[in-house]
Amino acid sequence: MEFNEEDLTTIQKLAGCNYTVRQVAIYFGIDVVELFYEYQNTDSLFYTTFQRGRLIAEADVNMKLLDDAKGGNLTASAQYKKAMKATQLAILKDELFGIR
């Protein structure tokens, strides 16, 4: 499946806004099953772009959260600690079961 640079930028932004693969397929007018197949190929450009969009958005939020926590915001500090525990659990799963 071919995407131009503008499409890839849009895919990244949509993924960062938590749109699903199904919603991205509908947005582009692509067959949902075909795009799911592309997404399941972890070596595909679509998969990488989609995951990168989610990661960038999550990182942006977490960096802001960390800044707020360092600034003394107690709610941000609690949210950051909760997110940190979830990440630590994911790391342990990767170590135990291998990276998929």
Protein backbone atom coordinates (compact mmCIF):
# COMPACT_ATOMS: atom_id res chain seq x y z
CA MET A 1 0.00 0.00 0.00
CA GLU A 2 1.41 3.37 -1.01
CA PHE A 3 1.08 6.62 0.93
CA ASN A 4 2.55 10.00 0.02
CA GLU A 5 4.25 12.27 2.57
CA GLU A 6 1.09 14.28 3.20
CA ASP A 7 -0.87 11.07 3.85
CA LEU A 8 1.80 9.83 6.27
CA THR A 9 1.71 13.12 8.19
CA THR A 10 -2.08 12.87 8.43
CA ILE A 11 -1.89 9.22 9.57
CA GLN A 12 0.58 10.21 12.27
CA LYS A 13 -1.67 13.04 13.47
CA LEU A 14 -4.81 10.87 13.44
CA ALA A 15 -3.04 8.13 15.42
CA GLY A 16 -1.82 10.74 17.88
CA CYS A 17 -5.43 11.84 18.38
CA ASN A 18 -6.33 8.21 19.23
CA TYR A 19 -8.18 7.40 16.04
CA THR A 20 -8.40 3.68 15.32
CA VAL A 21 -7.08 1.90 12.24
CA ARG A 22 -10.72 1.47 11.16
CA GLN A 23 -11.32 5.22 11.44
CA VAL A 24 -8.14 5.98 9.49
CA ALA A 25 -9.31 3.62 6.73
CA ILE A 26 -12.67 5.38 6.57
CA TYR A 27 -10.94 8.80 6.58
CA PHE A 28 -8.85 7.83 3.54
CA GLY A 29 -11.60 5.83 1.84
CA ILE A 30 -9.49 2.66 2.02
CA ASP A 31 -10.87 -0.84 2.49
CA VAL A 32 -10.84 -1.49 6.26
CA VAL A 33 -9.70 -5.10 5.92
CA GLU A 34 -6.85 -4.12 3.61
CA LEU A 35 -5.61 -1.46 6.04
CA PHE A 36 -5.88 -3.87 9.00
CA TYR A 37 -3.74 -6.31 7.03
CA GLU A 38 -1.20 -3.53 6.46
CA TYR A 39 -1.29 -2.65 10.17
CA GLN A 40 -0.62 -6.26 11.17
CA ASN A 41 2.61 -6.17 9.15
CA THR A 42 4.93 -4.63 11.74
CA ASP A 43 7.49 -3.92 8.99
CA SER A 44 5.07 -1.77 6.99
CA LEU A 45 5.36 1.99 6.67
CA PHE A 46 1.74 2.36 7.78
CA TYR A 47 2.34 0.42 11.01
CA THR A 48 5.48 2.41 11.82
CA THR A 49 3.83 5.76 11.05
CA PHE A 50 0.72 4.89 13.06
CA GLN A 51 2.74 3.77 16.09
CA ARG A 52 5.05 6.78 15.83
CA GLY A 53 2.05 9.12 15.87
CA ARG A 54 0.74 7.55 19.05
CA LEU A 55 4.17 7.59 20.67
CA ILE A 56 4.85 11.25 19.83
CA ALA A 57 1.48 12.35 21.22
CA GLU A 58 1.94 10.29 24.38
CA ALA A 59 5.48 11.61 24.84
CA ASP A 60 4.31 15.21 24.43
CA VAL A 61 1.67 14.72 27.12
CA ASN A 62 4.07 12.89 29.45
CA MET A 63 6.77 15.54 29.09
CA LYS A 64 4.24 18.25 30.00
CA LEU A 65 3.03 16.12 32.89
CA LEU A 66 6.59 15.67 34.15
CA ASP A 67 7.23 19.40 33.91
CA ASP A 68 4.05 20.10 35.89
CA ALA A 69 4.98 17.45 38.49
CA LYS A 70 8.46 18.95 38.89
CA GLY A 71 6.80 22.33 39.34
CA GLY A 72 4.92 21.05 42.37
CA ASN A 73 1.57 20.12 40.83
CA LEU A 74 0.42 17.26 43.07
CA THR A 75 -2.20 15.97 40.65
CA ALA A 76 0.38 15.84 37.86
CA SER A 77 2.80 14.10 40.20
CA ALA A 78 0.24 11.40 41.01
CA GLN A 79 -0.66 10.94 37.34
CA TYR A 80 3.00 10.71 36.40
CA LYS A 81 3.67 8.07 39.07
CA LYS A 82 0.69 6.04 37.82
CA ALA A 83 1.96 6.24 34.23
CA MET A 84 5.47 5.31 35.38
CA LYS A 85 4.15 2.16 37.10
CA ALA A 86 2.28 1.15 33.94
CA THR A 87 5.46 1.61 31.90
CA GLN A 88 7.47 -0.43 34.39
CA LEU A 89 4.91 -3.24 34.08
CA ALA A 90 5.18 -3.13 30.28
CA ILE A 91 8.98 -3.32 30.54
CA LEU A 92 8.75 -6.34 32.85
CA LYS A 93 6.37 -8.07 30.43
CA ASP A 94 8.82 -7.45 27.58
CA GLU A 95 11.66 -8.87 29.68
CA LEU A 96 9.67 -11.95 30.69
CA PHE A 97 7.91 -12.74 27.44
CA GLY A 98 10.13 -11.05 24.89
CA ILE A 99 9.32 -8.19 22.62
CA ARG A 100 6.56 -9.00 20.15
